[in-house]
Amino acid sequence: MSSPNYVDYMVRQEQYKDLLREAKQERMVKNLEPRPGRYRVVAPWSGAQLMKWSSTLQSHISGKETGTWVTWKSN
């Protein structure tokens, strides 16, 4: 027959292993969740930059500024 101390020790050891398994599973699930990254900084900047570039290109095409685009359009 096992001593009560040994049984308690074995129960505690199994509980500890269960906690480790739960923690590992939680870490794995957390790694699957999307995390805020650089896109929160880059996306607004790149959107604003694209708008500037498109308006500059549009102004060149419509002939509001002098340059090679106006010459190209007039031909």
PDB file of N, CA and C in Angstrom:
ATOM      1  N   MET A   1       0.835  -1.173   0.000  1.00  0.00           N
ATOM      2  CA  MET A   1       0.000   0.000   0.000  1.00  0.00           C
ATOM      3  C   MET A   1       0.885   1.243   0.000  1.00  0.00           C
ATOM      4  N   SER A   2       0.475   2.277  -0.766  1.00  0.00           N
ATOM      5  CA  SER A   2       1.240   3.507  -0.875  1.00  0.00           C
ATOM      6  C   SER A   2       0.966   4.415   0.311  1.00  0.00           C
ATOM      7  N   SER A   3       1.984   5.169   0.650  1.00  0.00           N
ATOM      8  CA  SER A   3       1.801   6.118   1.748  1.00  0.00           C
ATOM      9  C   SER A   3       1.008   7.318   1.246  1.00  0.00           C
ATOM     10  N   PRO A   4       0.268   7.988   2.125  1.00  0.00           N
ATOM     11  CA  PRO A   4      -0.517   9.144   1.721  1.00  0.00           C
ATOM     12  C   PRO A   4       0.351  10.277   1.150  1.00  0.00           C
ATOM     13  N   ASN A   5       1.550  10.413   1.670  1.00  0.00           N
ATOM     14  CA  ASN A   5       2.428  11.465   1.156  1.00  0.00           C
ATOM     15  C   ASN A   5       2.812  11.208  -0.295  1.00  0.00           C
ATOM     16  N   TYR A   6       3.072   9.955  -0.626  1.00  0.00           N
ATOM     17  CA  TYR A   6       3.434   9.607  -1.999  1.00  0.00           C
ATOM     18  C   TYR A   6       2.259   9.846  -2.943  1.00  0.00           C
ATOM     19  N   VAL A   7       1.060   9.493  -2.517  1.00  0.00           N
ATOM     20  CA  VAL A   7      -0.131   9.700  -3.338  1.00  0.00           C
ATOM     21  C   VAL A   7      -0.366  11.193  -3.547  1.00  0.00           C
ATOM     22  N   ASP A   8      -0.228  11.964  -2.482  1.00  0.00           N
ATOM     23  CA  ASP A   8      -0.376  13.422  -2.622  1.00  0.00           C
ATOM     24  C   ASP A   8       0.655  13.991  -3.587  1.00  0.00           C
ATOM     25  N   TYR A   9       1.871  13.489  -3.480  1.00  0.00           N
ATOM     26  CA  TYR A   9       2.938  13.938  -4.372  1.00  0.00           C
ATOM     27  C   TYR A   9       2.596  13.620  -5.825  1.00  0.00           C
ATOM     28  N   MET A  10       2.118  12.427  -6.076  1.00  0.00           N
ATOM     29  CA  MET A  10       1.773  12.029  -7.444  1.00  0.00           C
ATOM     30  C   MET A  10       0.594  12.844  -7.984  1.00  0.00           C
ATOM     31  N   VAL A  11      -0.391  13.108  -7.129  1.00  0.00           N
ATOM     32  CA  VAL A  11      -1.533  13.930  -7.544  1.00  0.00           C
ATOM     33  C   VAL A  11      -1.059  15.337  -7.897  1.00  0.00           C
ATOM     34  N   ARG A  12      -0.217  15.916  -7.044  1.00  0.00           N
ATOM     35  CA  ARG A  12       0.303  17.261  -7.314  1.00  0.00           C
ATOM     36  C   ARG A  12       1.128  17.293  -8.597  1.00  0.00           C
ATOM     37  N   GLN A  13       1.898  16.255  -8.830  1.00  0.00           N
ATOM     38  CA  GLN A  13       2.709  16.193 -10.042  1.00  0.00           C
ATOM     39  C   GLN A  13       1.824  16.141 -11.291  1.00  0.00           C
ATOM     40  N   GLU A  14       0.763  15.386 -11.252  1.00  0.00           N
ATOM     41  CA  GLU A  14      -0.157  15.324 -12.389  1.00  0.00           C
ATOM     42  C   GLU A  14      -0.875  16.662 -12.593  1.00  0.00           C
ATOM     43  N   GLN A  15      -1.234  17.315 -11.496  1.00  0.00           N
ATOM     44  CA  GLN A  15      -1.869  18.630 -11.611  1.00  0.00           C
ATOM     45  C   GLN A  15      -0.917  19.629 -12.257  1.00  0.00           C
ATOM     46  N   TYR A  16       0.351  19.563 -11.869  1.00  0.00           N
ATOM     47  CA  TYR A  16       1.351  20.449 -12.451  1.00  0.00           C
ATOM     48  C   TYR A  16       1.515  20.184 -13.947  1.00  0.00           C
ATOM     49  N   LYS A  17       1.531  18.919 -14.336  1.00  0.00           N
ATOM     50  CA  LYS A  17       1.631  18.572 -15.760  1.00  0.00           C
ATOM     51  C   LYS A  17       0.417  19.083 -16.529  1.00  0.00           C
ATOM     52  N   ASP A  18      -0.760  18.983 -15.919  1.00  0.00           N
ATOM     53  CA  ASP A  18      -1.974  19.503 -16.555  1.00  0.00           C
ATOM     54  C   ASP A  18      -1.875  21.009 -16.764  1.00  0.00           C
ATOM     55  N   LEU A  19      -1.375  21.711 -15.746  1.00  0.00           N
ATOM     56  CA  LEU A  19      -1.212  23.163 -15.875  1.00  0.00           C
ATOM     57  C   LEU A  19      -0.224  23.514 -16.976  1.00  0.00           C
ATOM     58  N   LEU A  20       0.846  22.770 -17.079  1.00  0.00           N
ATOM     59  CA  LEU A  20       1.817  23.012 -18.149  1.00  0.00           C
ATOM     60  C   LEU A  20       1.195  22.788 -19.526  1.00  0.00           C
ATOM     61  N   ARG A  21       0.392  21.739 -19.657  1.00  0.00           N
ATOM     62  CA  ARG A  21      -0.280  21.465 -20.939  1.00  0.00           C
ATOM     63  C   ARG A  21      -1.253  22.590 -21.290  1.00  0.00           C
ATOM     64  N   GLU A  22      -2.003  23.065 -20.299  1.00  0.00           N
ATOM     65  CA  GLU A  22      -2.943  24.167 -20.535  1.00  0.00           C
ATOM     66  C   GLU A  22      -2.209  25.435 -20.953  1.00  0.00           C
ATOM     67  N   ALA A  23      -1.103  25.725 -20.285  1.00  0.00           N
ATOM     68  CA  ALA A  23      -0.331  26.919 -20.623  1.00  0.00           C
ATOM     69  C   ALA A  23       0.230  26.819 -22.034  1.00  0.00           C
ATOM     70  N   LYS A  24       0.705  25.653 -22.396  1.00  0.00           N
ATOM     71  CA  LYS A  24       1.232  25.456 -23.748  1.00  0.00           C
ATOM     72  C   LYS A  24       0.138  25.654 -24.791  1.00  0.00           C
ATOM     73  N   GLN A  25      -1.037  25.110 -24.518  1.00  0.00           N
ATOM     74  CA  GLN A  25      -2.151  25.254 -25.454  1.00  0.00           C
ATOM     75  C   GLN A  25      -2.570  26.722 -25.571  1.00  0.00           C
ATOM     76  N   GLU A  26      -2.606  27.449 -24.465  1.00  0.00           N
ATOM     77  CA  GLU A  26      -2.963  28.868 -24.504  1.00  0.00           C
ATOM     78  C   GLU A  26      -1.945  29.666 -25.309  1.00  0.00           C
ATOM     79  N   ARG A  27      -0.662  29.343 -25.167  1.00  0.00           N
ATOM     80  CA  ARG A  27       0.370  30.033 -25.955  1.00  0.00           C
ATOM     81  C   ARG A  27       0.189  29.759 -27.436  1.00  0.00           C
ATOM     82  N   MET A  28      -0.135  28.511 -27.777  1.00  0.00           N
ATOM     83  CA  MET A  28      -0.343  28.168 -29.183  1.00  0.00           C
ATOM     84  C   MET A  28      -1.537  28.922 -29.760  1.00  0.00           C
ATOM     85  N   VAL A  29      -2.619  29.017 -29.004  1.00  0.00           N
ATOM     86  CA  VAL A  29      -3.804  29.742 -29.467  1.00  0.00           C
ATOM     87  C   VAL A  29      -3.496  31.223 -29.595  1.00  0.00           C
ATOM     88  N   LYS A  30      -2.754  31.754 -28.634  1.00  0.00           N
ATOM     89  CA  LYS A  30      -2.411  33.179 -28.673  1.00  0.00           C
ATOM     90  C   LYS A  30      -1.556  33.498 -29.893  1.00  0.00           C
ATOM     91  N   ASN A  31      -0.670  32.587 -30.281  1.00  0.00           N
ATOM     92  CA  ASN A  31       0.159  32.803 -31.463  1.00  0.00           C
ATOM     93  C   ASN A  31      -0.655  32.821 -32.748  1.00  0.00           C
ATOM     94  N   LEU A  32      -1.818  32.197 -32.736  1.00  0.00           N
ATOM     95  CA  LEU A  32      -2.673  32.186 -33.925  1.00  0.00           C
ATOM     96  C   LEU A  32      -3.472  33.472 -34.076  1.00  0.00           C
ATOM     97  N   GLU A  33      -3.669  34.203 -32.983  1.00  0.00           N
ATOM     98  CA  GLU A  33      -4.458  35.431 -33.030  1.00  0.00           C
ATOM     99  C   GLU A  33      -3.678  36.526 -33.740  1.00  0.00           C
ATOM    100  N   PRO A  34      -4.361  37.327 -34.548  1.00  0.00           N
ATOM    101  CA  PRO A  34      -3.658  38.421 -35.219  1.00  0.00           C
ATOM    102  C   PRO A  34      -3.204  39.463 -34.197  1.00  0.00           C
ATOM    103  N   ARG A  35      -2.005  39.956 -34.409  1.00  0.00           N
ATOM    104  CA  ARG A  35      -1.450  40.970 -33.519  1.00  0.00           C
ATOM    105  C   ARG A  35      -1.294  42.275 -34.280  1.00  0.00           C
ATOM    106  N   PRO A  36      -1.547  43.380 -33.598  1.00  0.00           N
ATOM    107  CA  PRO A  36      -1.313  44.658 -34.274  1.00  0.00           C
ATOM    108  C   PRO A  36       0.170  44.790 -34.574  1.00  0.00           C
ATOM    109  N   GLY A  37       0.462  45.200 -35.765  1.00  0.00           N
ATOM    110  CA  GLY A  37       1.864  45.287 -36.158  1.00  0.00           C
ATOM    111  C   GLY A  37       2.160  46.612 -36.812  1.00  0.00           C
ATOM    112  N   ARG A  38       3.141  46.554 -37.642  1.00  0.00           N
ATOM    113  CA  ARG A  38       3.582  47.771 -38.322  1.00  0.00           C
ATOM    114  C   ARG A  38       2.532  48.315 -39.277  1.00  0.00           C
ATOM    115  N   TYR A  39       1.628  47.458 -39.735  1.00  0.00           N
ATOM    116  CA  TYR A  39       0.646  47.928 -40.699  1.00  0.00           C
ATOM    117  C   TYR A  39      -0.193  49.069 -40.143  1.00  0.00           C
ATOM    118  N   ARG A  40      -0.369  49.142 -38.824  1.00  0.00           N
ATOM    119  CA  ARG A  40      -1.135  50.246 -38.245  1.00  0.00           C
ATOM    120  C   ARG A  40      -0.426  51.578 -38.438  1.00  0.00           C
ATOM    121  N   VAL A  41       0.875  51.544 -38.566  1.00  0.00           N
ATOM    122  CA  VAL A  41       1.640  52.758 -38.802  1.00  0.00           C
ATOM    123  C   VAL A  41       1.830  52.974 -40.295  1.00  0.00           C
ATOM    124  N   VAL A  42       2.116  51.906 -41.011  1.00  0.00           N
ATOM    125  CA  VAL A  42       2.459  52.001 -42.425  1.00  0.00           C
ATOM    126  C   VAL A  42       1.225  52.251 -43.291  1.00  0.00           C
ATOM    127  N   ALA A  43       0.113  51.633 -42.965  1.00  0.00           N
ATOM    128  CA  ALA A  43      -1.078  51.743 -43.811  1.00  0.00           C
ATOM    129  C   ALA A  43      -1.561  53.187 -43.968  1.00  0.00           C
ATOM    130  N   PRO A  44      -1.710  53.963 -42.906  1.00  0.00           N
ATOM    131  CA  PRO A  44      -2.149  55.347 -43.109  1.00  0.00           C
ATOM    132  C   PRO A  44      -1.135  56.170 -43.893  1.00  0.00           C
ATOM    133  N   TRP A  45       0.149  55.967 -43.618  1.00  0.00           N
ATOM    134  CA  TRP A  45       1.169  56.711 -44.344  1.00  0.00           C
ATOM    135  C   TRP A  45       1.154  56.346 -45.824  1.00  0.00           C
ATOM    136  N   SER A  46       1.090  55.051 -46.133  1.00  0.00           N
ATOM    137  CA  SER A  46       1.120  54.643 -47.535  1.00  0.00           C
ATOM    138  C   SER A  46      -0.141  55.106 -48.262  1.00  0.00           C
ATOM    139  N   GLY A  47      -1.273  55.097 -47.582  1.00  0.00           N
ATOM    140  CA  GLY A  47      -2.498  55.602 -48.206  1.00  0.00           C
ATOM    141  C   GLY A  47      -2.393  57.085 -48.531  1.00  0.00           C
ATOM    142  N   ALA A  48      -1.869  57.854 -47.591  1.00  0.00           N
ATOM    143  CA  ALA A  48      -1.690  59.298 -47.828  1.00  0.00           C
ATOM    144  C   ALA A  48      -0.686  59.542 -48.947  1.00  0.00           C
ATOM    145  N   GLN A  49       0.391  58.751 -48.964  1.00  0.00           N
ATOM    146  CA  GLN A  49       1.401  58.908 -50.001  1.00  0.00           C
ATOM    147  C   GLN A  49       0.825  58.570 -51.376  1.00  0.00           C
ATOM    148  N   LEU A  50       0.040  57.518 -51.460  1.00  0.00           N
ATOM    149  CA  LEU A  50      -0.579  57.165 -52.739  1.00  0.00           C
ATOM    150  C   LEU A  50      -1.529  58.257 -53.222  1.00  0.00           C
ATOM    151  N   MET A  51      -2.254  58.878 -52.301  1.00  0.00           N
ATOM    152  CA  MET A  51      -3.142  59.975 -52.680  1.00  0.00           C
ATOM    153  C   MET A  51      -2.344  61.165 -53.220  1.00  0.00           C
ATOM    154  N   LYS A  52      -1.217  61.475 -52.583  1.00  0.00           N
ATOM    155  CA  LYS A  52      -0.374  62.579 -53.079  1.00  0.00           C
ATOM    156  C   LYS A  52       0.152  62.271 -54.470  1.00  0.00           C
ATOM    157  N   TRP A  53       0.666  61.056 -54.641  1.00  0.00           N
ATOM    158  CA  TRP A  53       1.217  60.684 -55.937  1.00  0.00           C
ATOM    159  C   TRP A  53       0.137  60.685 -57.022  1.00  0.00           C
ATOM    160  N   SER A  54      -1.040  60.193 -56.700  1.00  0.00           N
ATOM    161  CA  SER A  54      -2.092  60.153 -57.707  1.00  0.00           C
ATOM    162  C   SER A  54      -2.563  61.554 -58.067  1.00  0.00           C
ATOM    163  N   SER A  55      -2.644  62.452 -57.092  1.00  0.00           N
ATOM    164  CA  SER A  55      -3.069  63.820 -57.420  1.00  0.00           C
ATOM    165  C   SER A  55      -1.995  64.533 -58.238  1.00  0.00           C
ATOM    166  N   THR A  56      -0.721  64.258 -57.939  1.00  0.00           N
ATOM    167  CA  THR A  56       0.356  64.847 -58.737  1.00  0.00           C
ATOM    168  C   THR A  56       0.297  64.322 -60.163  1.00  0.00           C
ATOM    169  N   LEU A  57       0.124  63.045 -60.311  1.00  0.00           N
ATOM    170  CA  LEU A  57       0.031  62.451 -61.642  1.00  0.00           C
ATOM    171  C   LEU A  57      -1.182  62.988 -62.388  1.00  0.00           C
ATOM    172  N   GLN A  58      -2.305  63.104 -61.706  1.00  0.00           N
ATOM    173  CA  GLN A  58      -3.513  63.623 -62.331  1.00  0.00           C
ATOM    174  C   GLN A  58      -3.320  65.061 -62.798  1.00  0.00           C
ATOM    175  N   SER A  59      -2.627  65.861 -61.970  1.00  0.00           N
ATOM    176  CA  SER A  59      -2.401  67.248 -62.371  1.00  0.00           C
ATOM    177  C   SER A  59      -1.468  67.318 -63.571  1.00  0.00           C
ATOM    178  N   HIS A  60      -0.504  66.423 -63.671  1.00  0.00           N
ATOM    179  CA  HIS A  60       0.369  66.381 -64.846  1.00  0.00           C
ATOM    180  C   HIS A  60      -0.417  65.975 -66.081  1.00  0.00           C
ATOM    181  N   ILE A  61      -1.274  65.014 -65.952  1.00  0.00           N
ATOM    182  CA  ILE A  61      -2.046  64.530 -67.097  1.00  0.00           C
ATOM    183  C   ILE A  61      -3.064  65.572 -67.546  1.00  0.00           C
ATOM    184  N   SER A  62      -3.688  66.258 -66.609  1.00  0.00           N
ATOM    185  CA  SER A  62      -4.697  67.242 -66.990  1.00  0.00           C
ATOM    186  C   SER A  62      -4.080  68.535 -67.509  1.00  0.00           C
ATOM    187  N   GLY A  63      -2.758  68.714 -67.380  1.00  0.00           N
ATOM    188  CA  GLY A  63      -2.090  69.871 -67.937  1.00  0.00           C
ATOM    189  C   GLY A  63      -2.033  71.070 -67.019  1.00  0.00           C
ATOM    190  N   LYS A  64      -2.281  70.909 -65.753  1.00  0.00           N
ATOM    191  CA  LYS A  64      -2.223  72.030 -64.833  1.00  0.00           C
ATOM    192  C   LYS A  64      -0.794  72.470 -64.576  1.00  0.00           C
ATOM    193  N   GLU A  65       0.153  71.590 -64.723  1.00  0.00           N
ATOM    194  CA  GLU A  65       1.559  71.931 -64.528  1.00  0.00           C
ATOM    195  C   GLU A  65       2.298  71.740 -65.846  1.00  0.00           C
ATOM    196  N   THR A  66       3.311  72.528 -66.060  1.00  0.00           N
ATOM    197  CA  THR A  66       4.097  72.389 -67.282  1.00  0.00           C
ATOM    198  C   THR A  66       5.103  71.276 -67.083  1.00  0.00           C
ATOM    199  N   GLY A  67       5.398  70.582 -68.136  1.00  0.00           N
ATOM    200  CA  GLY A  67       6.361  69.499 -68.065  1.00  0.00           C
ATOM    201  C   GLY A  67       6.166  68.546 -69.210  1.00  0.00           C
ATOM    202  N   THR A  68       6.833  67.435 -69.129  1.00  0.00           N
ATOM    203  CA  THR A  68       6.806  66.460 -70.223  1.00  0.00           C
ATOM    204  C   THR A  68       5.420  65.861 -70.416  1.00  0.00           C
ATOM    205  N   TRP A  69       4.625  65.804 -69.351  1.00  0.00           N
ATOM    206  CA  TRP A  69       3.296  65.213 -69.485  1.00  0.00           C
ATOM    207  C   TRP A  69       2.409  66.082 -70.363  1.00  0.00           C
ATOM    208  N   VAL A  70       2.546  67.402 -70.245  1.00  0.00           N
ATOM    209  CA  VAL A  70       1.724  68.293 -71.059  1.00  0.00           C
ATOM    210  C   VAL A  70       2.092  68.152 -72.534  1.00  0.00           C
ATOM    211  N   THR A  71       3.379  68.060 -72.803  1.00  0.00           N
ATOM    212  CA  THR A  71       3.838  67.852 -74.171  1.00  0.00           C
ATOM    213  C   THR A  71       3.316  66.530 -74.708  1.00  0.00           C
ATOM    214  N   TRP A  72       3.357  65.523 -73.851  1.00  0.00           N
ATOM    215  CA  TRP A  72       2.885  64.206 -74.260  1.00  0.00           C
ATOM    216  C   TRP A  72       1.391  64.262 -74.582  1.00  0.00           C
ATOM    217  N   LYS A  73       0.603  65.011 -73.756  1.00  0.00           N
ATOM    218  CA  LYS A  73      -0.820  65.077 -73.964  1.00  0.00           C
ATOM    219  C   LYS A  73      -1.190  65.864 -75.225  1.00  0.00           C
ATOM    220  N   SER A  74      -0.438  66.880 -75.505  1.00  0.00           N
ATOM    221  CA  SER A  74      -0.791  67.740 -76.642  1.00  0.00           C
ATOM    222  C   SER A  74      -0.475  67.080 -77.972  1.00  0.00           C
ATOM    223  N   ASN A  75       0.360  66.081 -78.025  1.00  0.00           N
ATOM    224  CA  ASN A  75       0.694  65.445 -79.301  1.00  0.00           C
ATOM    225  C   ASN A  75      -0.391  64.586 -79.781  1.00  0.00           C
TER     226      ASN A  75
END
